[in-house]
Amino acid sequence: MTTSDPREDTGSSPDDAAGPDLSSPRVQALLDRYWHRNLRWMGVLLCVWLVVGLGCGILFADVLNQFRLFGYPLGFWFAQQGSIMTFVVLILIYCLVMNRLDAQHHRDLQRLKKESR
C-alpha cells in the first residue's frame, strides 16, 4: 500500500511547505499588521454587539418600546431576539472578513518568501 504526499494534490512543492523566516523584521512587521487588523475587526464587531445587546436591549429600551416589531415592543424584541441574531450575523461577518484577511496575509507571505530567494 502506498501513501501519497498530500502536497501532491495541491500542486505545491516541498519548498512551499516551509514558510518564510519568522525572525525576519519584514515578516514580523507583516505578522504584527495582520494581528492588529484582526484585533481592530474584533473590537469593532464587539462594539456593535455591545450597542445592540446592551444599548438596544436595556439602555434604550424605553425609547425603542414606542415602536413595535411583529407585535412586540422593539426594546423587548432586541433584548430577547435581536442581540442573539446580531451576534450570529456578526460571527458570519467576522468569518468572511477573516477569510479575506487570511488570503491577503498568505499572499503577502508568499511575496516575501519569493523576494527572499
Foldseek 3Di string as FASTA:
>chain_A
DDDDDVVVVVVDDPVVVDFDDCVDPVNVVLVVVLVVVLVVLVVVLVVVLCCQAPVLQPVCQVVQQVDDDPRGRRNPCSNPPVSVVSVVVSVVVSVVVVVVSVVVSVVVRVVVVVVVD
